[in-house]
Amino acid sequence: MNDFLVSYVVRWVAFCALAAVLAFKDVRPDWSRERAFLTVPWKLAVFVPAMAFVTFAGRWTDDETWDVVTGFGMSAFTYLTAGWSVGTLYKVTKRERPWSHAIVAIALLLFSSSWFYDGWLLLRDGEYTRRWLGNLRLSPIIYVCAGLLLNLEPGGFGFTRADWPRPSSTRVSAKMVLTAVPLVLVAAWVLVAYVGWHFTA
């Protein structure tokens, strides 16, 4: 790796370490609420097939970095953390959470959408992937769309409620579907439009 990439790796590892310390010190999630938030039936119905696609679809693309590990790891981290990260960033802007929570949320966003990918490929290939910058520009868009989608409720976005992340309802409304469609389309476009596809063995 060149000096810039070495410096970049050192900095993102240090940032993740700082976020881990702050998460341990300041963030005390209510795991029962988090579990209830993630296991709403419609969320499982949407995200489990999406995770399966992202995990295995890379074999039909020209992207040599899209393997089962990157696909499953990035999609799993996104499902587990994007709802919390996006909601927390909103809460920080409203001064309902401290800035330390924003650092944790940003670290989760960047690790899930970029740095896990970079780190795994560095271990796999012994060199830093040439696709790192393109992925850094695009994958956070998918992450934010997923985070907004996970927070959808009949009355709007759940993170606007004081008792978030406890889900207020498990039902699906027409308004939710109309809001979800552009989020899904944007995420799907970013996922599939920037790689070449082939469907032969």
C-alpha atoms as a PDB file:
ATOM      1  CA  MET A   1       0.000   0.000   0.000  1.00  0.00           C
ATOM      2  CA  ASN A   2       1.095   3.560  -0.557  1.00  0.00           C
ATOM      3  CA  ASP A   3       1.601   5.981   2.316  1.00  0.00           C
ATOM      4  CA  PHE A   4      -1.823   7.551   1.899  1.00  0.00           C
ATOM      5  CA  LEU A   5      -3.635   4.227   2.232  1.00  0.00           C
ATOM      6  CA  VAL A   6      -1.536   3.214   5.230  1.00  0.00           C
ATOM      7  CA  SER A   7      -2.454   6.500   6.904  1.00  0.00           C
ATOM      8  CA  TYR A   8      -6.102   6.007   5.939  1.00  0.00           C
ATOM      9  CA  VAL A   9      -6.236   2.532   7.487  1.00  0.00           C
ATOM     10  CA  VAL A  10      -4.582   3.743  10.685  1.00  0.00           C
ATOM     11  CA  ARG A  11      -7.085   6.578  10.958  1.00  0.00           C
ATOM     12  CA  TRP A  12     -10.211   4.526  10.394  1.00  0.00           C
ATOM     13  CA  VAL A  13      -9.032   1.826  12.790  1.00  0.00           C
ATOM     14  CA  ALA A  14      -8.347   4.519  15.404  1.00  0.00           C
ATOM     15  CA  PHE A  15     -11.765   6.083  14.798  1.00  0.00           C
ATOM     16  CA  CYS A  16     -13.471   2.712  15.226  1.00  0.00           C
ATOM     17  CA  ALA A  17     -11.510   2.123  18.432  1.00  0.00           C
ATOM     18  CA  LEU A  18     -12.620   5.518  19.767  1.00  0.00           C
ATOM     19  CA  ALA A  19     -16.221   4.716  18.851  1.00  0.00           C
ATOM     20  CA  ALA A  20     -15.979   1.347  20.608  1.00  0.00           C
ATOM     21  CA  VAL A  21     -14.764   3.044  23.792  1.00  0.00           C
ATOM     22  CA  LEU A  22     -17.565   5.615  23.616  1.00  0.00           C
ATOM     23  CA  ALA A  23     -20.134   2.911  22.911  1.00  0.00           C
ATOM     24  CA  PHE A  24     -19.014   0.957  25.965  1.00  0.00           C
ATOM     25  CA  LYS A  25     -18.892   4.090  28.118  1.00  0.00           C
ATOM     26  CA  ASP A  26     -21.919   6.129  26.989  1.00  0.00           C
ATOM     27  CA  VAL A  27     -24.304   4.034  24.897  1.00  0.00           C
ATOM     28  CA  ARG A  28     -26.467   1.724  26.936  1.00  0.00           C
ATOM     29  CA  PRO A  29     -29.005   0.208  24.553  1.00  0.00           C
ATOM     30  CA  ASP A  30     -32.162  -1.423  25.780  1.00  0.00           C
ATOM     31  CA  TRP A  31     -31.638  -4.782  24.104  1.00  0.00           C
ATOM     32  CA  SER A  32     -35.260  -5.853  24.470  1.00  0.00           C
ATOM     33  CA  ARG A  33     -36.346  -2.714  22.594  1.00  0.00           C
ATOM     34  CA  GLU A  34     -33.663  -3.210  19.957  1.00  0.00           C
ATOM     35  CA  ARG A  35     -34.742  -6.813  19.425  1.00  0.00           C
ATOM     36  CA  ALA A  36     -38.398  -5.786  19.149  1.00  0.00           C
ATOM     37  CA  PHE A  37     -37.408  -3.002  16.731  1.00  0.00           C
ATOM     38  CA  LEU A  38     -35.560  -5.401  14.407  1.00  0.00           C
ATOM     39  CA  THR A  39     -38.003  -8.305  14.492  1.00  0.00           C
ATOM     40  CA  VAL A  40     -41.160  -6.536  13.349  1.00  0.00           C
ATOM     41  CA  PRO A  41     -42.550  -9.034  10.791  1.00  0.00           C
ATOM     42  CA  TRP A  42     -42.540  -6.705   7.787  1.00  0.00           C
ATOM     43  CA  LYS A  43     -38.900  -5.783   8.409  1.00  0.00           C
ATOM     44  CA  LEU A  44     -37.891  -9.444   8.413  1.00  0.00           C
ATOM     45  CA  ALA A  45     -39.957 -10.031   5.266  1.00  0.00           C
ATOM     46  CA  VAL A  46     -38.122  -7.211   3.470  1.00  0.00           C
ATOM     47  CA  PHE A  47     -34.594  -7.542   4.808  1.00  0.00           C
ATOM     48  CA  VAL A  48     -34.050 -11.317   4.948  1.00  0.00           C
ATOM     49  CA  PRO A  49     -34.514 -11.754   1.161  1.00  0.00           C
ATOM     50  CA  ALA A  50     -32.486  -8.592   0.550  1.00  0.00           C
ATOM     51  CA  MET A  51     -29.644  -9.949   2.674  1.00  0.00           C
ATOM     52  CA  ALA A  52     -29.756 -13.256   0.794  1.00  0.00           C
ATOM     53  CA  PHE A  53     -29.522 -11.420  -2.530  1.00  0.00           C
ATOM     54  CA  VAL A  54     -26.611  -9.245  -1.435  1.00  0.00           C
ATOM     55  CA  THR A  55     -24.811 -12.264   0.024  1.00  0.00           C
ATOM     56  CA  PHE A  56     -24.913 -14.413  -3.103  1.00  0.00           C
ATOM     57  CA  ALA A  57     -25.452 -12.105  -6.096  1.00  0.00           C
ATOM     58  CA  GLY A  58     -21.812 -11.121  -6.480  1.00  0.00           C
ATOM     59  CA  ARG A  59     -20.991 -14.278  -8.445  1.00  0.00           C
ATOM     60  CA  TRP A  60     -23.037 -12.892 -11.361  1.00  0.00           C
ATOM     61  CA  THR A  61     -21.176  -9.579 -11.526  1.00  0.00           C
ATOM     62  CA  ASP A  62     -17.823  -8.357 -12.768  1.00  0.00           C
ATOM     63  CA  ASP A  63     -16.997  -7.048  -9.279  1.00  0.00           C
ATOM     64  CA  GLU A  64     -14.190  -9.239  -7.961  1.00  0.00           C
ATOM     65  CA  THR A  65     -14.619  -7.772  -4.481  1.00  0.00           C
ATOM     66  CA  TRP A  66     -18.268  -8.853  -4.105  1.00  0.00           C
ATOM     67  CA  ASP A  67     -17.940 -12.245  -2.447  1.00  0.00           C
ATOM     68  CA  VAL A  68     -20.070 -14.032   0.151  1.00  0.00           C
ATOM     69  CA  VAL A  69     -18.153 -12.478   3.058  1.00  0.00           C
ATOM     70  CA  THR A  70     -18.477  -8.886   1.868  1.00  0.00           C
ATOM     71  CA  GLY A  71     -22.092  -9.430   0.841  1.00  0.00           C
ATOM     72  CA  PHE A  72     -23.218 -11.087   4.045  1.00  0.00           C
ATOM     73  CA  GLY A  73     -21.095  -8.952   6.353  1.00  0.00           C
ATOM     74  CA  MET A  74     -22.165  -5.614   4.930  1.00  0.00           C
ATOM     75  CA  SER A  75     -25.845  -6.564   4.694  1.00  0.00           C
ATOM     76  CA  ALA A  76     -25.924  -8.051   8.206  1.00  0.00           C
ATOM     77  CA  PHE A  77     -24.196  -5.043   9.766  1.00  0.00           C
ATOM     78  CA  THR A  78     -26.565  -2.763   7.871  1.00  0.00           C
ATOM     79  CA  TYR A  79     -29.661  -4.589   9.097  1.00  0.00           C
ATOM     80  CA  LEU A  80     -28.420  -4.687  12.684  1.00  0.00           C
ATOM     81  CA  THR A  81     -27.152  -1.106  12.949  1.00  0.00           C
ATOM     82  CA  ALA A  82     -28.594   1.198  10.271  1.00  0.00           C
ATOM     83  CA  GLY A  83     -31.907   1.827  12.007  1.00  0.00           C
ATOM     84  CA  TRP A  84     -30.164   2.772  15.233  1.00  0.00           C
ATOM     85  CA  SER A  85     -27.469   4.865  13.538  1.00  0.00           C
ATOM     86  CA  VAL A  86     -29.830   6.927  11.395  1.00  0.00           C
ATOM     87  CA  GLY A  87     -32.242   7.435  14.276  1.00  0.00           C
ATOM     88  CA  THR A  88     -29.445   8.379  16.641  1.00  0.00           C
ATOM     89  CA  LEU A  89     -28.042  10.971  14.240  1.00  0.00           C
ATOM     90  CA  TYR A  90     -31.501  12.526  14.076  1.00  0.00           C
ATOM     91  CA  LYS A  91     -31.721  12.529  17.873  1.00  0.00           C
ATOM     92  CA  VAL A  92     -28.301  14.189  18.141  1.00  0.00           C
ATOM     93  CA  THR A  93     -29.364  16.993  15.788  1.00  0.00           C
ATOM     94  CA  LYS A  94     -32.376  17.542  18.065  1.00  0.00           C
ATOM     95  CA  ARG A  95     -30.095  17.529  21.125  1.00  0.00           C
ATOM     96  CA  GLU A  96     -31.869  14.478  22.497  1.00  0.00           C
ATOM     97  CA  ARG A  97     -28.648  12.428  22.472  1.00  0.00           C
ATOM     98  CA  PRO A  98     -25.047  13.474  23.274  1.00  0.00           C
ATOM     99  CA  TRP A  99     -22.419  13.963  20.584  1.00  0.00           C
ATOM    100  CA  SER A 100     -20.641  10.796  21.697  1.00  0.00           C
ATOM    101  CA  HIS A 101     -23.607   8.871  20.293  1.00  0.00           C
ATOM    102  CA  ALA A 102     -23.098  10.579  16.925  1.00  0.00           C
ATOM    103  CA  ILE A 103     -19.495   9.364  16.812  1.00  0.00           C
ATOM    104  CA  VAL A 104     -20.664   5.802  17.469  1.00  0.00           C
ATOM    105  CA  ALA A 105     -23.395   6.119  14.828  1.00  0.00           C
ATOM    106  CA  ILE A 106     -20.995   7.492  12.199  1.00  0.00           C
ATOM    107  CA  ALA A 107     -18.473   4.749  12.952  1.00  0.00           C
ATOM    108  CA  LEU A 108     -21.175   2.096  12.554  1.00  0.00           C
ATOM    109  CA  LEU A 109     -22.288   3.675   9.281  1.00  0.00           C
ATOM    110  CA  LEU A 110     -18.793   3.793   7.817  1.00  0.00           C
ATOM    111  CA  PHE A 111     -17.683   0.419   9.160  1.00  0.00           C
ATOM    112  CA  SER A 112     -20.806  -1.353   7.923  1.00  0.00           C
ATOM    113  CA  SER A 113     -20.835   0.245   4.488  1.00  0.00           C
ATOM    114  CA  SER A 114     -17.115   0.662   3.809  1.00  0.00           C
ATOM    115  CA  TRP A 115     -14.459  -0.295   6.318  1.00  0.00           C
ATOM    116  CA  PHE A 116     -15.587  -3.881   6.890  1.00  0.00           C
ATOM    117  CA  TYR A 117     -15.368  -4.295   3.105  1.00  0.00           C
ATOM    118  CA  ASP A 118     -11.926  -2.679   2.966  1.00  0.00           C
ATOM    119  CA  GLY A 119     -10.583  -4.679   5.892  1.00  0.00           C
ATOM    120  CA  TRP A 120     -11.812  -8.047   4.673  1.00  0.00           C
ATOM    121  CA  LEU A 121     -10.425  -7.515   1.172  1.00  0.00           C
ATOM    122  CA  LEU A 122      -7.084  -6.403   2.597  1.00  0.00           C
ATOM    123  CA  LEU A 123      -6.934  -9.667   4.545  1.00  0.00           C
ATOM    124  CA  ARG A 124      -8.158 -11.728   1.581  1.00  0.00           C
ATOM    125  CA  ASP A 125      -5.960 -10.226  -1.127  1.00  0.00           C
ATOM    126  CA  GLY A 126      -3.012  -8.769   0.774  1.00  0.00           C
ATOM    127  CA  GLU A 127      -3.559  -5.370  -0.827  1.00  0.00           C
ATOM    128  CA  TYR A 128      -6.028  -2.522  -0.560  1.00  0.00           C
ATOM    129  CA  THR A 129      -8.820  -2.833  -3.083  1.00  0.00           C
ATOM    130  CA  ARG A 130      -8.811  -0.325  -5.931  1.00  0.00           C
ATOM    131  CA  ARG A 131     -12.596  -0.087  -5.509  1.00  0.00           C
ATOM    132  CA  TRP A 132     -12.433   1.379  -1.995  1.00  0.00           C
ATOM    133  CA  LEU A 133     -13.206   4.979  -2.950  1.00  0.00           C
ATOM    134  CA  GLY A 134     -16.117   4.111  -5.217  1.00  0.00           C
ATOM    135  CA  ASN A 135     -17.565   1.919  -2.499  1.00  0.00           C
ATOM    136  CA  LEU A 136     -17.068   4.671   0.096  1.00  0.00           C
ATOM    137  CA  ARG A 137     -19.027   7.082  -2.095  1.00  0.00           C
ATOM    138  CA  LEU A 138     -21.924   4.726  -2.869  1.00  0.00           C
ATOM    139  CA  SER A 139     -22.521   2.207  -0.092  1.00  0.00           C
ATOM    140  CA  PRO A 140     -23.392   4.770   2.615  1.00  0.00           C
ATOM    141  CA  ILE A 141     -26.367   5.759   0.430  1.00  0.00           C
ATOM    142  CA  ILE A 142     -27.705   2.210   0.715  1.00  0.00           C
ATOM    143  CA  TYR A 143     -27.051   2.257   4.466  1.00  0.00           C
ATOM    144  CA  VAL A 144     -28.981   5.491   5.008  1.00  0.00           C
ATOM    145  CA  CYS A 145     -31.886   4.257   2.872  1.00  0.00           C
ATOM    146  CA  ALA A 146     -31.969   1.049   4.928  1.00  0.00           C
ATOM    147  CA  GLY A 147     -31.876   3.026   8.169  1.00  0.00           C
ATOM    148  CA  LEU A 148     -34.787   5.198   7.092  1.00  0.00           C
ATOM    149  CA  LEU A 149     -36.728   2.145   5.915  1.00  0.00           C
ATOM    150  CA  LEU A 150     -36.200   0.359   9.230  1.00  0.00           C
ATOM    151  CA  ASN A 151     -37.617   3.371  11.053  1.00  0.00           C
ATOM    152  CA  LEU A 152     -40.816   3.590   9.029  1.00  0.00           C
ATOM    153  CA  GLU A 153     -44.062   3.465  10.988  1.00  0.00           C
ATOM    154  CA  PRO A 154     -47.693   4.274  10.120  1.00  0.00           C
ATOM    155  CA  GLY A 155     -47.274   7.721  11.673  1.00  0.00           C
ATOM    156  CA  GLY A 156     -43.946   8.579  10.022  1.00  0.00           C
ATOM    157  CA  PHE A 157     -40.391   7.843  11.164  1.00  0.00           C
ATOM    158  CA  GLY A 158     -40.112   6.184  14.547  1.00  0.00           C
ATOM    159  CA  PHE A 159     -37.046   8.157  15.610  1.00  0.00           C
ATOM    160  CA  THR A 160     -39.202  11.257  15.990  1.00  0.00           C
ATOM    161  CA  ARG A 161     -40.877   9.670  19.034  1.00  0.00           C
ATOM    162  CA  ALA A 162     -39.518  10.153  22.562  1.00  0.00           C
ATOM    163  CA  ASP A 163     -39.656   6.409  23.329  1.00  0.00           C
ATOM    164  CA  TRP A 164     -37.811   5.332  20.159  1.00  0.00           C
ATOM    165  CA  PRO A 165     -36.605   2.660  19.339  1.00  0.00           C
ATOM    166  CA  ARG A 166     -39.574   0.852  20.859  1.00  0.00           C
ATOM    167  CA  PRO A 167     -41.844   0.079  17.883  1.00  0.00           C
ATOM    168  CA  SER A 168     -45.210   1.786  18.137  1.00  0.00           C
ATOM    169  CA  SER A 169     -46.944  -0.554  15.694  1.00  0.00           C
ATOM    170  CA  THR A 170     -46.258  -3.668  13.630  1.00  0.00           C
ATOM    171  CA  ARG A 171     -48.847  -2.956  10.942  1.00  0.00           C
ATOM    172  CA  VAL A 172     -48.096  -1.665   7.459  1.00  0.00           C
ATOM    173  CA  SER A 173     -49.943   1.352   6.086  1.00  0.00           C
ATOM    174  CA  ALA A 174     -50.309   2.709   2.560  1.00  0.00           C
ATOM    175  CA  LYS A 175     -48.285   5.764   3.595  1.00  0.00           C
ATOM    176  CA  MET A 176     -45.435   3.490   4.691  1.00  0.00           C
ATOM    177  CA  VAL A 177     -45.449   1.692   1.347  1.00  0.00           C
ATOM    178  CA  LEU A 178     -45.414   4.969  -0.583  1.00  0.00           C
ATOM    179  CA  THR A 179     -42.496   6.213   1.519  1.00  0.00           C
ATOM    180  CA  ALA A 180     -40.642   2.909   1.271  1.00  0.00           C
ATOM    181  CA  VAL A 181     -40.775   2.608  -2.523  1.00  0.00           C
ATOM    182  CA  PRO A 182     -38.329   5.452  -3.348  1.00  0.00           C
ATOM    183  CA  LEU A 183     -35.970   4.336  -0.567  1.00  0.00           C
ATOM    184  CA  VAL A 184     -35.916   0.793  -1.947  1.00  0.00           C
ATOM    185  CA  LEU A 185     -35.497   2.005  -5.530  1.00  0.00           C
ATOM    186  CA  VAL A 186     -32.574   4.282  -4.660  1.00  0.00           C
ATOM    187  CA  ALA A 187     -30.828   1.540  -2.681  1.00  0.00           C
ATOM    188  CA  ALA A 188     -31.432  -1.035  -5.425  1.00  0.00           C
ATOM    189  CA  TRP A 189     -30.147   1.332  -8.109  1.00  0.00           C
ATOM    190  CA  VAL A 190     -26.938   2.042  -6.226  1.00  0.00           C
ATOM    191  CA  LEU A 191     -26.476  -1.679  -5.596  1.00  0.00           C
ATOM    192  CA  VAL A 192     -26.940  -2.973  -9.141  1.00  0.00           C
ATOM    193  CA  ALA A 193     -26.243  -0.095 -11.539  1.00  0.00           C
ATOM    194  CA  TYR A 194     -22.508   0.331 -10.990  1.00  0.00           C
ATOM    195  CA  VAL A 195     -21.402  -3.230 -11.754  1.00  0.00           C
ATOM    196  CA  GLY A 196     -21.615  -5.373 -14.865  1.00  0.00           C
ATOM    197  CA  TRP A 197     -23.895  -8.416 -14.749  1.00  0.00           C
ATOM    198  CA  HIS A 198     -23.628 -11.808 -16.451  1.00  0.00           C
ATOM    199  CA  PHE A 199     -25.929 -14.764 -16.003  1.00  0.00           C
ATOM    200  CA  THR A 200     -23.901 -17.617 -17.427  1.00  0.00           C
ATOM    201  CA  ALA A 201     -22.210 -20.223 -15.245  1.00  0.00           C
END
